[in-house]
Amino acid sequence: MEKIASVKDLKRGESMDFKYKGKDAILIKTMQDKFVAFSKVCPHEGGTIVWDSNIKKLLCECHLSIFNDDGSVYRFSSVFPKMDPLTPIELKINEKEEIFAL
């Protein structure tokens, strides 16, 4: 387990970057107060995933794909026949409200 943050570090709709097994990852506190985490590497061509706090979606600006906060595909470029969801990272929150990546 790798400690990422504490529950109090993020407000609803915010994100933070962290390293998971040496690779870039992102932690998000959804509008439903749920914590989710994903690899920041887009599953299609390896572009970098970022959180857009205005629209509450994950974006890959490399090829204009948009993902929901659960990692599912919201919209992707018509240039591609299909798009895979983001790679999730399993989380655990302990009794001290510390968030860990498993």
PDB file of N, CA and C in Angstrom:
ATOM      1  N   MET A   1       0.841  -1.188   0.000  1.00  0.00           N
ATOM      2  CA  MET A   1       0.000   0.000   0.000  1.00  0.00           C
ATOM      3  C   MET A   1       0.884   1.249   0.000  1.00  0.00           C
ATOM      4  N   GLU A   2       0.439   2.234  -0.775  1.00  0.00           N
ATOM      5  CA  GLU A   2       1.149   3.507  -0.845  1.00  0.00           C
ATOM      6  C   GLU A   2       0.209   4.617  -0.393  1.00  0.00           C
ATOM      7  N   LYS A   3       0.625   5.385   0.635  1.00  0.00           N
ATOM      8  CA  LYS A   3      -0.211   6.495   1.094  1.00  0.00           C
ATOM      9  C   LYS A   3      -0.201   7.598   0.042  1.00  0.00           C
ATOM     10  N   ILE A   4      -1.410   8.094  -0.273  1.00  0.00           N
ATOM     11  CA  ILE A   4      -1.561   9.161  -1.262  1.00  0.00           C
ATOM     12  C   ILE A   4      -1.815  10.498  -0.577  1.00  0.00           C
ATOM     13  N   ALA A   5      -2.810  10.509   0.298  1.00  0.00           N
ATOM     14  CA  ALA A   5      -3.258  11.761   0.905  1.00  0.00           C
ATOM     15  C   ALA A   5      -4.161  11.449   2.089  1.00  0.00           C
ATOM     16  N   SER A   6      -4.718  12.512   2.656  1.00  0.00           N
ATOM     17  CA  SER A   6      -5.752  12.391   3.679  1.00  0.00           C
ATOM     18  C   SER A   6      -7.067  12.876   3.081  1.00  0.00           C
ATOM     19  N   VAL A   7      -8.155  12.372   3.595  1.00  0.00           N
ATOM     20  CA  VAL A   7      -9.484  12.755   3.112  1.00  0.00           C
ATOM     21  C   VAL A   7      -9.651  14.271   3.093  1.00  0.00           C
ATOM     22  N   LYS A   8      -9.113  14.948   4.111  1.00  0.00           N
ATOM     23  CA  LYS A   8      -9.279  16.399   4.224  1.00  0.00           C
ATOM     24  C   LYS A   8      -8.469  17.189   3.180  1.00  0.00           C
ATOM     25  N   ASP A   9      -7.562  16.516   2.458  1.00  0.00           N
ATOM     26  CA  ASP A   9      -6.721  17.208   1.478  1.00  0.00           C
ATOM     27  C   ASP A   9      -7.467  17.632   0.218  1.00  0.00           C
ATOM     28  N   LEU A  10      -8.592  17.004  -0.062  1.00  0.00           N
ATOM     29  CA  LEU A  10      -9.344  17.319  -1.277  1.00  0.00           C
ATOM     30  C   LEU A  10     -10.773  17.716  -0.962  1.00  0.00           C
ATOM     31  N   LYS A  11     -11.224  18.759  -1.641  1.00  0.00           N
ATOM     32  CA  LYS A  11     -12.630  19.159  -1.569  1.00  0.00           C
ATOM     33  C   LYS A  11     -13.377  18.483  -2.705  1.00  0.00           C
ATOM     34  N   ARG A  12     -14.670  18.436  -2.597  1.00  0.00           N
ATOM     35  CA  ARG A  12     -15.509  17.842  -3.632  1.00  0.00           C
ATOM     36  C   ARG A  12     -15.193  18.482  -4.989  1.00  0.00           C
ATOM     37  N   GLY A  13     -14.980  17.631  -6.004  1.00  0.00           N
ATOM     38  CA  GLY A  13     -14.690  18.118  -7.354  1.00  0.00           C
ATOM     39  C   GLY A  13     -13.228  18.446  -7.622  1.00  0.00           C
ATOM     40  N   GLU A  14     -12.346  18.188  -6.653  1.00  0.00           N
ATOM     41  CA  GLU A  14     -10.921  18.470  -6.826  1.00  0.00           C
ATOM     42  C   GLU A  14     -10.139  17.191  -7.121  1.00  0.00           C
ATOM     43  N   SER A  15      -8.919  17.395  -7.616  1.00  0.00           N
ATOM     44  CA  SER A  15      -8.047  16.261  -7.901  1.00  0.00           C
ATOM     45  C   SER A  15      -6.640  16.568  -7.434  1.00  0.00           C
ATOM     46  N   MET A  16      -5.837  15.530  -7.372  1.00  0.00           N
ATOM     47  CA  MET A  16      -4.414  15.708  -7.107  1.00  0.00           C
ATOM     48  C   MET A  16      -3.650  14.597  -7.817  1.00  0.00           C
ATOM     49  N   ASP A  17      -2.482  14.938  -8.287  1.00  0.00           N
ATOM     50  CA  ASP A  17      -1.613  13.968  -8.934  1.00  0.00           C
ATOM     51  C   ASP A  17      -0.773  13.267  -7.879  1.00  0.00           C
ATOM     52  N   PHE A  18      -0.415  12.023  -8.159  1.00  0.00           N
ATOM     53  CA  PHE A  18       0.475  11.277  -7.276  1.00  0.00           C
ATOM     54  C   PHE A  18       1.202  10.218  -8.105  1.00  0.00           C
ATOM     55  N   LYS A  19       2.168   9.598  -7.515  1.00  0.00           N
ATOM     56  CA  LYS A  19       2.908   8.521  -8.157  1.00  0.00           C
ATOM     57  C   LYS A  19       2.389   7.188  -7.614  1.00  0.00           C
ATOM     58  N   TYR A  20       2.162   6.256  -8.510  1.00  0.00           N
ATOM     59  CA  TYR A  20       1.726   4.918  -8.125  1.00  0.00           C
ATOM     60  C   TYR A  20       2.627   3.916  -8.828  1.00  0.00           C
ATOM     61  N   LYS A  21       3.384   3.186  -8.041  1.00  0.00           N
ATOM     62  CA  LYS A  21       4.357   2.234  -8.578  1.00  0.00           C
ATOM     63  C   LYS A  21       5.278   2.914  -9.594  1.00  0.00           C
ATOM     64  N   GLY A  22       5.661   4.159  -9.258  1.00  0.00           N
ATOM     65  CA  GLY A  22       6.596   4.913 -10.079  1.00  0.00           C
ATOM     66  C   GLY A  22       5.991   5.606 -11.290  1.00  0.00           C
ATOM     67  N   LYS A  23       4.676   5.499 -11.473  1.00  0.00           N
ATOM     68  CA  LYS A  23       4.026   6.100 -12.645  1.00  0.00           C
ATOM     69  C   LYS A  23       3.015   7.157 -12.222  1.00  0.00           C
ATOM     70  N   ASP A  24       2.726   8.082 -13.146  1.00  0.00           N
ATOM     71  CA  ASP A  24       1.788   9.163 -12.861  1.00  0.00           C
ATOM     72  C   ASP A  24       0.368   8.634 -12.706  1.00  0.00           C
ATOM     73  N   ALA A  25      -0.316   9.164 -11.684  1.00  0.00           N
ATOM     74  CA  ALA A  25      -1.689   8.771 -11.388  1.00  0.00           C
ATOM     75  C   ALA A  25      -2.444  10.011 -10.900  1.00  0.00           C
ATOM     76  N   ILE A  26      -3.766   9.885 -10.822  1.00  0.00           N
ATOM     77  CA  ILE A  26      -4.596  10.999 -10.383  1.00  0.00           C
ATOM     78  C   ILE A  26      -5.655  10.500  -9.405  1.00  0.00           C
ATOM     79  N   LEU A  27      -5.845  11.261  -8.329  1.00  0.00           N
ATOM     80  CA  LEU A  27      -6.862  11.000  -7.309  1.00  0.00           C
ATOM     81  C   LEU A  27      -7.920  12.082  -7.439  1.00  0.00           C
ATOM     82  N   ILE A  28      -9.196  11.696  -7.401  1.00  0.00           N
ATOM     83  CA  ILE A  28     -10.300  12.651  -7.539  1.00  0.00           C
ATOM     84  C   ILE A  28     -11.293  12.423  -6.414  1.00  0.00           C
ATOM     85  N   LYS A  29     -11.807  13.523  -5.876  1.00  0.00           N
ATOM     86  CA  LYS A  29     -12.955  13.439  -4.970  1.00  0.00           C
ATOM     87  C   LYS A  29     -14.150  13.880  -5.792  1.00  0.00           C
ATOM     88  N   THR A  30     -15.041  12.934  -6.093  1.00  0.00           N
ATOM     89  CA  THR A  30     -16.179  13.213  -6.963  1.00  0.00           C
ATOM     90  C   THR A  30     -17.190  14.132  -6.285  1.00  0.00           C
ATOM     91  N   MET A  31     -18.143  14.576  -7.057  1.00  0.00           N
ATOM     92  CA  MET A  31     -19.204  15.433  -6.515  1.00  0.00           C
ATOM     93  C   MET A  31     -20.097  14.664  -5.550  1.00  0.00           C
ATOM     94  N   GLN A  32     -19.990  13.335  -5.560  1.00  0.00           N
ATOM     95  CA  GLN A  32     -20.747  12.486  -4.632  1.00  0.00           C
ATOM     96  C   GLN A  32     -19.904  12.108  -3.415  1.00  0.00           C
ATOM     97  N   ASP A  33     -18.782  12.823  -3.207  1.00  0.00           N
ATOM     98  CA  ASP A  33     -17.874  12.589  -2.075  1.00  0.00           C
ATOM     99  C   ASP A  33     -17.219  11.210  -2.093  1.00  0.00           C
ATOM    100  N   LYS A  34     -17.038  10.651  -3.268  1.00  0.00           N
ATOM    101  CA  LYS A  34     -16.367   9.368  -3.416  1.00  0.00           C
ATOM    102  C   LYS A  34     -14.949   9.627  -3.929  1.00  0.00           C
ATOM    103  N   PHE A  35     -13.983   8.862  -3.439  1.00  0.00           N
ATOM    104  CA  PHE A  35     -12.614   8.980  -3.923  1.00  0.00           C
ATOM    105  C   PHE A  35     -12.362   7.905  -4.975  1.00  0.00           C
ATOM    106  N   VAL A  36     -11.794   8.327  -6.107  1.00  0.00           N
ATOM    107  CA  VAL A  36     -11.430   7.415  -7.187  1.00  0.00           C
ATOM    108  C   VAL A  36     -10.032   7.776  -7.665  1.00  0.00           C
ATOM    109  N   ALA A  37      -9.340   6.793  -8.226  1.00  0.00           N
ATOM    110  CA  ALA A  37      -7.988   7.048  -8.736  1.00  0.00           C
ATOM    111  C   ALA A  37      -7.779   6.262 -10.024  1.00  0.00           C
ATOM    112  N   PHE A  38      -6.962   6.846 -10.904  1.00  0.00           N
ATOM    113  CA  PHE A  38      -6.685   6.241 -12.200  1.00  0.00           C
ATOM    114  C   PHE A  38      -5.245   6.502 -12.602  1.00  0.00           C
ATOM    115  N   SER A  39      -4.756   5.656 -13.481  1.00  0.00           N
ATOM    116  CA  SER A  39      -3.487   5.932 -14.150  1.00  0.00           C
ATOM    117  C   SER A  39      -3.707   7.172 -15.006  1.00  0.00           C
ATOM    118  N   LYS A  40      -2.693   8.029 -15.112  1.00  0.00           N
ATOM    119  CA  LYS A  40      -2.807   9.229 -15.949  1.00  0.00           C
ATOM    120  C   LYS A  40      -2.444   8.948 -17.401  1.00  0.00           C
ATOM    121  N   VAL A  41      -2.202   7.683 -17.724  1.00  0.00           N
ATOM    122  CA  VAL A  41      -1.865   7.315 -19.098  1.00  0.00           C
ATOM    123  C   VAL A  41      -3.142   6.895 -19.818  1.00  0.00           C
ATOM    124  N   CYS A  42      -3.471   7.584 -20.885  1.00  0.00           N
ATOM    125  CA  CYS A  42      -4.658   7.255 -21.664  1.00  0.00           C
ATOM    126  C   CYS A  42      -4.511   5.850 -22.243  1.00  0.00           C
ATOM    127  N   PRO A  43      -5.569   5.042 -22.191  1.00  0.00           N
ATOM    128  CA  PRO A  43      -5.480   3.669 -22.676  1.00  0.00           C
ATOM    129  C   PRO A  43      -5.346   3.554 -24.197  1.00  0.00           C
ATOM    130  N   HIS A  44      -5.522   4.633 -24.914  1.00  0.00           N
ATOM    131  CA  HIS A  44      -5.458   4.526 -26.365  1.00  0.00           C
ATOM    132  C   HIS A  44      -4.060   4.758 -26.914  1.00  0.00           C
ATOM    133  N   GLU A  45      -3.549   5.971 -26.799  1.00  0.00           N
ATOM    134  CA  GLU A  45      -2.245   6.266 -27.378  1.00  0.00           C
ATOM    135  C   GLU A  45      -1.241   6.774 -26.352  1.00  0.00           C
ATOM    136  N   GLY A  46      -1.554   6.632 -25.072  1.00  0.00           N
ATOM    137  CA  GLY A  46      -0.595   6.995 -24.039  1.00  0.00           C
ATOM    138  C   GLY A  46      -0.524   8.468 -23.704  1.00  0.00           C
ATOM    139  N   GLY A  47      -1.511   9.251 -24.143  1.00  0.00           N
ATOM    140  CA  GLY A  47      -1.551  10.667 -23.782  1.00  0.00           C
ATOM    141  C   GLY A  47      -1.770  10.828 -22.288  1.00  0.00           C
ATOM    142  N   THR A  48      -1.585  12.033 -21.788  1.00  0.00           N
ATOM    143  CA  THR A  48      -1.746  12.301 -20.359  1.00  0.00           C
ATOM    144  C   THR A  48      -3.176  12.707 -20.035  1.00  0.00           C
ATOM    145  N   ILE A  49      -3.733  12.070 -19.027  1.00  0.00           N
ATOM    146  CA  ILE A  49      -5.083  12.362 -18.558  1.00  0.00           C
ATOM    147  C   ILE A  49      -5.021  13.482 -17.521  1.00  0.00           C
ATOM    148  N   VAL A  50      -5.943  14.448 -17.635  1.00  0.00           N
ATOM    149  CA  VAL A  50      -6.050  15.538 -16.666  1.00  0.00           C
ATOM    150  C   VAL A  50      -7.502  15.661 -16.221  1.00  0.00           C
ATOM    151  N   TRP A  51      -7.711  16.241 -15.051  1.00  0.00           N
ATOM    152  CA  TRP A  51      -9.045  16.482 -14.502  1.00  0.00           C
ATOM    153  C   TRP A  51      -9.469  17.900 -14.844  1.00  0.00           C
ATOM    154  N   ASP A  52     -10.633  18.055 -15.413  1.00  0.00           N
ATOM    155  CA  ASP A  52     -11.199  19.376 -15.681  1.00  0.00           C
ATOM    156  C   ASP A  52     -12.251  19.638 -14.615  1.00  0.00           C
ATOM    157  N   SER A  53     -11.919  20.485 -13.657  1.00  0.00           N
ATOM    158  CA  SER A  53     -12.823  20.736 -12.526  1.00  0.00           C
ATOM    159  C   SER A  53     -14.058  21.534 -12.936  1.00  0.00           C
ATOM    160  N   ASN A  54     -14.021  22.195 -14.079  1.00  0.00           N
ATOM    161  CA  ASN A  54     -15.203  22.943 -14.545  1.00  0.00           C
ATOM    162  C   ASN A  54     -16.305  22.014 -15.040  1.00  0.00           C
ATOM    163  N   ILE A  55     -15.933  20.997 -15.807  1.00  0.00           N
ATOM    164  CA  ILE A  55     -16.944  20.080 -16.342  1.00  0.00           C
ATOM    165  C   ILE A  55     -17.000  18.762 -15.568  1.00  0.00           C
ATOM    166  N   LYS A  56     -16.105  18.608 -14.586  1.00  0.00           N
ATOM    167  CA  LYS A  56     -16.060  17.402 -13.730  1.00  0.00           C
ATOM    168  C   LYS A  56     -15.878  16.133 -14.557  1.00  0.00           C
ATOM    169  N   LYS A  57     -14.933  16.203 -15.490  1.00  0.00           N
ATOM    170  CA  LYS A  57     -14.605  15.065 -16.350  1.00  0.00           C
ATOM    171  C   LYS A  57     -13.092  14.958 -16.471  1.00  0.00           C
ATOM    172  N   LEU A  58     -12.628  13.771 -16.849  1.00  0.00           N
ATOM    173  CA  LEU A  58     -11.219  13.529 -17.138  1.00  0.00           C
ATOM    174  C   LEU A  58     -11.014  13.688 -18.641  1.00  0.00           C
ATOM    175  N   LEU A  59      -9.924  14.347 -19.028  1.00  0.00           N
ATOM    176  CA  LEU A  59      -9.676  14.637 -20.433  1.00  0.00           C
ATOM    177  C   LEU A  59      -8.334  14.087 -20.885  1.00  0.00           C
ATOM    178  N   CYS A  60      -8.309  13.625 -22.126  1.00  0.00           N
ATOM    179  CA  CYS A  60      -7.045  13.341 -22.796  1.00  0.00           C
ATOM    180  C   CYS A  60      -6.988  14.335 -23.951  1.00  0.00           C
ATOM    181  N   GLU A  61      -6.202  15.378 -23.777  1.00  0.00           N
ATOM    182  CA  GLU A  61      -6.123  16.425 -24.784  1.00  0.00           C
ATOM    183  C   GLU A  61      -5.382  15.955 -26.028  1.00  0.00           C
ATOM    184  N   CYS A  62      -4.678  14.844 -25.919  1.00  0.00           N
ATOM    185  CA  CYS A  62      -3.910  14.306 -27.037  1.00  0.00           C
ATOM    186  C   CYS A  62      -4.831  13.971 -28.221  1.00  0.00           C
ATOM    187  N   HIS A  63      -5.971  13.365 -27.929  1.00  0.00           N
ATOM    188  CA  HIS A  63      -6.896  13.027 -29.006  1.00  0.00           C
ATOM    189  C   HIS A  63      -8.351  13.333 -28.651  1.00  0.00           C
ATOM    190  N   LEU A  64      -8.529  14.291 -27.744  1.00  0.00           N
ATOM    191  CA  LEU A  64      -9.845  14.852 -27.422  1.00  0.00           C
ATOM    192  C   LEU A  64     -10.862  13.842 -26.903  1.00  0.00           C
ATOM    193  N   SER A  65     -10.410  12.934 -26.061  1.00  0.00           N
ATOM    194  CA  SER A  65     -11.326  11.996 -25.429  1.00  0.00           C
ATOM    195  C   SER A  65     -11.706  12.517 -24.052  1.00  0.00           C
ATOM    196  N   ILE A  66     -12.926  12.198 -23.632  1.00  0.00           N
ATOM    197  CA  ILE A  66     -13.452  12.640 -22.342  1.00  0.00           C
ATOM    198  C   ILE A  66     -13.945  11.407 -21.592  1.00  0.00           C
ATOM    199  N   PHE A  67     -13.616  11.349 -20.296  1.00  0.00           N
ATOM    200  CA  PHE A  67     -13.987  10.216 -19.456  1.00  0.00           C
ATOM    201  C   PHE A  67     -14.776  10.713 -18.249  1.00  0.00           C
ATOM    202  N   ASN A  68     -15.746   9.907 -17.809  1.00  0.00           N
ATOM    203  CA  ASN A  68     -16.507  10.200 -16.595  1.00  0.00           C
ATOM    204  C   ASN A  68     -15.625   9.975 -15.377  1.00  0.00           C
ATOM    205  N   ASP A  69     -16.095  10.439 -14.217  1.00  0.00           N
ATOM    206  CA  ASP A  69     -15.285  10.291 -13.000  1.00  0.00           C
ATOM    207  C   ASP A  69     -15.212   8.850 -12.492  1.00  0.00           C
ATOM    208  N   ASP A  70     -15.902   7.935 -13.157  1.00  0.00           N
ATOM    209  CA  ASP A  70     -15.742   6.515 -12.831  1.00  0.00           C
ATOM    210  C   ASP A  70     -14.792   5.818 -13.809  1.00  0.00           C
ATOM    211  N   GLY A  71     -14.197   6.605 -14.722  1.00  0.00           N
ATOM    212  CA  GLY A  71     -13.238   6.076 -15.683  1.00  0.00           C
ATOM    213  C   GLY A  71     -13.852   5.601 -16.985  1.00  0.00           C
ATOM    214  N   SER A  72     -15.177   5.550 -17.055  1.00  0.00           N
ATOM    215  CA  SER A  72     -15.836   5.117 -18.285  1.00  0.00           C
ATOM    216  C   SER A  72     -15.738   6.205 -19.354  1.00  0.00           C
ATOM    217  N   VAL A  73     -15.854   5.790 -20.599  1.00  0.00           N
ATOM    218  CA  VAL A  73     -15.758   6.720 -21.717  1.00  0.00           C
ATOM    219  C   VAL A  73     -17.029   7.551 -21.816  1.00  0.00           C
ATOM    220  N   TYR A  74     -16.863   8.860 -21.848  1.00  0.00           N
ATOM    221  CA  TYR A  74     -17.988   9.775 -22.047  1.00  0.00           C
ATOM    222  C   TYR A  74     -18.113  10.100 -23.533  1.00  0.00           C
ATOM    223  N   ARG A  75     -16.976  10.461 -24.156  1.00  0.00           N
ATOM    224  CA  ARG A  75     -16.949  10.793 -25.582  1.00  0.00           C
ATOM    225  C   ARG A  75     -15.526  10.626 -26.082  1.00  0.00           C
ATOM    226  N   PHE A  76     -15.391  10.161 -27.322  1.00  0.00           N
ATOM    227  CA  PHE A  76     -14.066  10.057 -27.922  1.00  0.00           C
ATOM    228  C   PHE A  76     -14.124  10.473 -29.376  1.00  0.00           C
ATOM    229  N   SER A  77     -12.978  10.780 -29.912  1.00  0.00           N
ATOM    230  CA  SER A  77     -12.869  11.263 -31.282  1.00  0.00           C
ATOM    231  C   SER A  77     -13.416  10.236 -32.263  1.00  0.00           C
ATOM    232  N   SER A  78     -14.119  10.703 -33.273  1.00  0.00           N
ATOM    233  CA  SER A  78     -14.677   9.815 -34.288  1.00  0.00           C
ATOM    234  C   SER A  78     -13.585   9.203 -35.169  1.00  0.00           C
ATOM    235  N   VAL A  79     -12.354   9.654 -35.008  1.00  0.00           N
ATOM    236  CA  VAL A  79     -11.235   9.084 -35.758  1.00  0.00           C
ATOM    237  C   VAL A  79     -10.979   7.639 -35.323  1.00  0.00           C
ATOM    238  N   PHE A  80     -11.352   7.297 -34.089  1.00  0.00           N
ATOM    239  CA  PHE A  80     -11.087   5.983 -33.536  1.00  0.00           C
ATOM    240  C   PHE A  80     -12.364   5.142 -33.499  1.00  0.00           C
ATOM    241  N   PRO A  81     -12.269   3.847 -33.776  1.00  0.00           N
ATOM    242  CA  PRO A  81     -13.454   2.997 -33.768  1.00  0.00           C
ATOM    243  C   PRO A  81     -14.000   2.718 -32.362  1.00  0.00           C
ATOM    244  N   LYS A  82     -13.121   2.727 -31.351  1.00  0.00           N
ATOM    245  CA  LYS A  82     -13.578   2.525 -29.962  1.00  0.00           C
ATOM    246  C   LYS A  82     -12.525   3.045 -28.996  1.00  0.00           C
ATOM    247  N   MET A  83     -12.889   3.147 -27.747  1.00  0.00           N
ATOM    248  CA  MET A  83     -11.983   3.646 -26.718  1.00  0.00           C
ATOM    249  C   MET A  83     -12.200   2.813 -25.461  1.00  0.00           C
ATOM    250  N   ASP A  84     -11.116   2.395 -24.829  1.00  0.00           N
ATOM    251  CA  ASP A  84     -11.205   1.654 -23.577  1.00  0.00           C
ATOM    252  C   ASP A  84     -11.353   2.622 -22.410  1.00  0.00           C
ATOM    253  N   PRO A  85     -11.927   2.162 -21.291  1.00  0.00           N
ATOM    254  CA  PRO A  85     -12.002   3.004 -20.095  1.00  0.00           C
ATOM    255  C   PRO A  85     -10.614   3.211 -19.495  1.00  0.00           C
ATOM    256  N   LEU A  86     -10.532   4.136 -18.563  1.00  0.00           N
ATOM    257  CA  LEU A  86      -9.276   4.407 -17.873  1.00  0.00           C
ATOM    258  C   LEU A  86      -8.913   3.238 -16.950  1.00  0.00           C
ATOM    259  N   THR A  87      -7.627   3.136 -16.642  1.00  0.00           N
ATOM    260  CA  THR A  87      -7.144   2.074 -15.760  1.00  0.00           C
ATOM    261  C   THR A  87      -7.323   2.521 -14.310  1.00  0.00           C
ATOM    262  N   PRO A  88      -8.214   1.852 -13.563  1.00  0.00           N
ATOM    263  CA  PRO A  88      -8.462   2.257 -12.176  1.00  0.00           C
ATOM    264  C   PRO A  88      -7.349   1.806 -11.234  1.00  0.00           C
ATOM    265  N   ILE A  89      -7.247   2.506 -10.126  1.00  0.00           N
ATOM    266  CA  ILE A  89      -6.332   2.137  -9.043  1.00  0.00           C
ATOM    267  C   ILE A  89      -7.197   1.936  -7.803  1.00  0.00           C
ATOM    268  N   GLU A  90      -7.086   0.779  -7.208  1.00  0.00           N
ATOM    269  CA  GLU A  90      -7.895   0.470  -6.029  1.00  0.00           C
ATOM    270  C   GLU A  90      -7.417   1.290  -4.832  1.00  0.00           C
ATOM    271  N   LEU A  91      -8.383   1.798  -4.075  1.00  0.00           N
ATOM    272  CA  LEU A  91      -8.082   2.651  -2.920  1.00  0.00           C
ATOM    273  C   LEU A  91      -8.596   2.023  -1.637  1.00  0.00           C
ATOM    274  N   LYS A  92      -7.959   2.419  -0.538  1.00  0.00           N
ATOM    275  CA  LYS A  92      -8.434   2.050   0.799  1.00  0.00           C
ATOM    276  C   LYS A  92      -8.300   3.285   1.673  1.00  0.00           C
ATOM    277  N   ILE A  93      -9.323   3.549   2.478  1.00  0.00           N
ATOM    278  CA  ILE A  93      -9.299   4.661   3.439  1.00  0.00           C
ATOM    279  C   ILE A  93      -9.352   4.039   4.826  1.00  0.00           C
ATOM    280  N   ASN A  94      -8.342   4.356   5.647  1.00  0.00           N
ATOM    281  CA  ASN A  94      -8.280   3.753   6.980  1.00  0.00           C
ATOM    282  C   ASN A  94      -9.050   4.597   8.002  1.00  0.00           C
ATOM    283  N   GLU A  95      -8.994   4.160   9.245  1.00  0.00           N
ATOM    284  CA  GLU A  95      -9.739   4.827  10.325  1.00  0.00           C
ATOM    285  C   GLU A  95      -9.223   6.243  10.611  1.00  0.00           C
ATOM    286  N   LYS A  96      -8.002   6.546  10.208  1.00  0.00           N
ATOM    287  CA  LYS A  96      -7.444   7.896  10.380  1.00  0.00           C
ATOM    288  C   LYS A  96      -7.765   8.789   9.186  1.00  0.00           C
ATOM    289  N   GLU A  97      -8.589   8.277   8.256  1.00  0.00           N
ATOM    290  CA  GLU A  97      -8.976   8.994   7.034  1.00  0.00           C
ATOM    291  C   GLU A  97      -7.793   9.262   6.117  1.00  0.00           C
ATOM    292  N   GLU A  98      -6.844   8.320   6.102  1.00  0.00           N
ATOM    293  CA  GLU A  98      -5.725   8.379   5.174  1.00  0.00           C
ATOM    294  C   GLU A  98      -6.087   7.512   3.975  1.00  0.00           C
ATOM    295  N   ILE A  99      -5.740   8.017   2.774  1.00  0.00           N
ATOM    296  CA  ILE A  99      -6.082   7.323   1.537  1.00  0.00           C
ATOM    297  C   ILE A  99      -4.833   6.599   1.026  1.00  0.00           C
ATOM    298  N   PHE A 100      -4.996   5.314   0.717  1.00  0.00           N
ATOM    299  CA  PHE A 100      -3.908   4.480   0.228  1.00  0.00           C
ATOM    300  C   PHE A 100      -4.263   3.891  -1.127  1.00  0.00           C
ATOM    301  N   ALA A 101      -3.269   3.773  -1.991  1.00  0.00           N
ATOM    302  CA  ALA A 101      -3.411   3.031  -3.248  1.00  0.00           C
ATOM    303  C   ALA A 101      -2.945   1.612  -2.983  1.00  0.00           C
ATOM    304  N   LEU A 102      -3.726   0.646  -3.395  1.00  0.00           N
ATOM    305  CA  LEU A 102      -3.392  -0.761  -3.154  1.00  0.00           C
ATOM    306  C   LEU A 102      -2.628  -1.360  -4.306  1.00  0.00           C
TER     307      LEU A 102
END
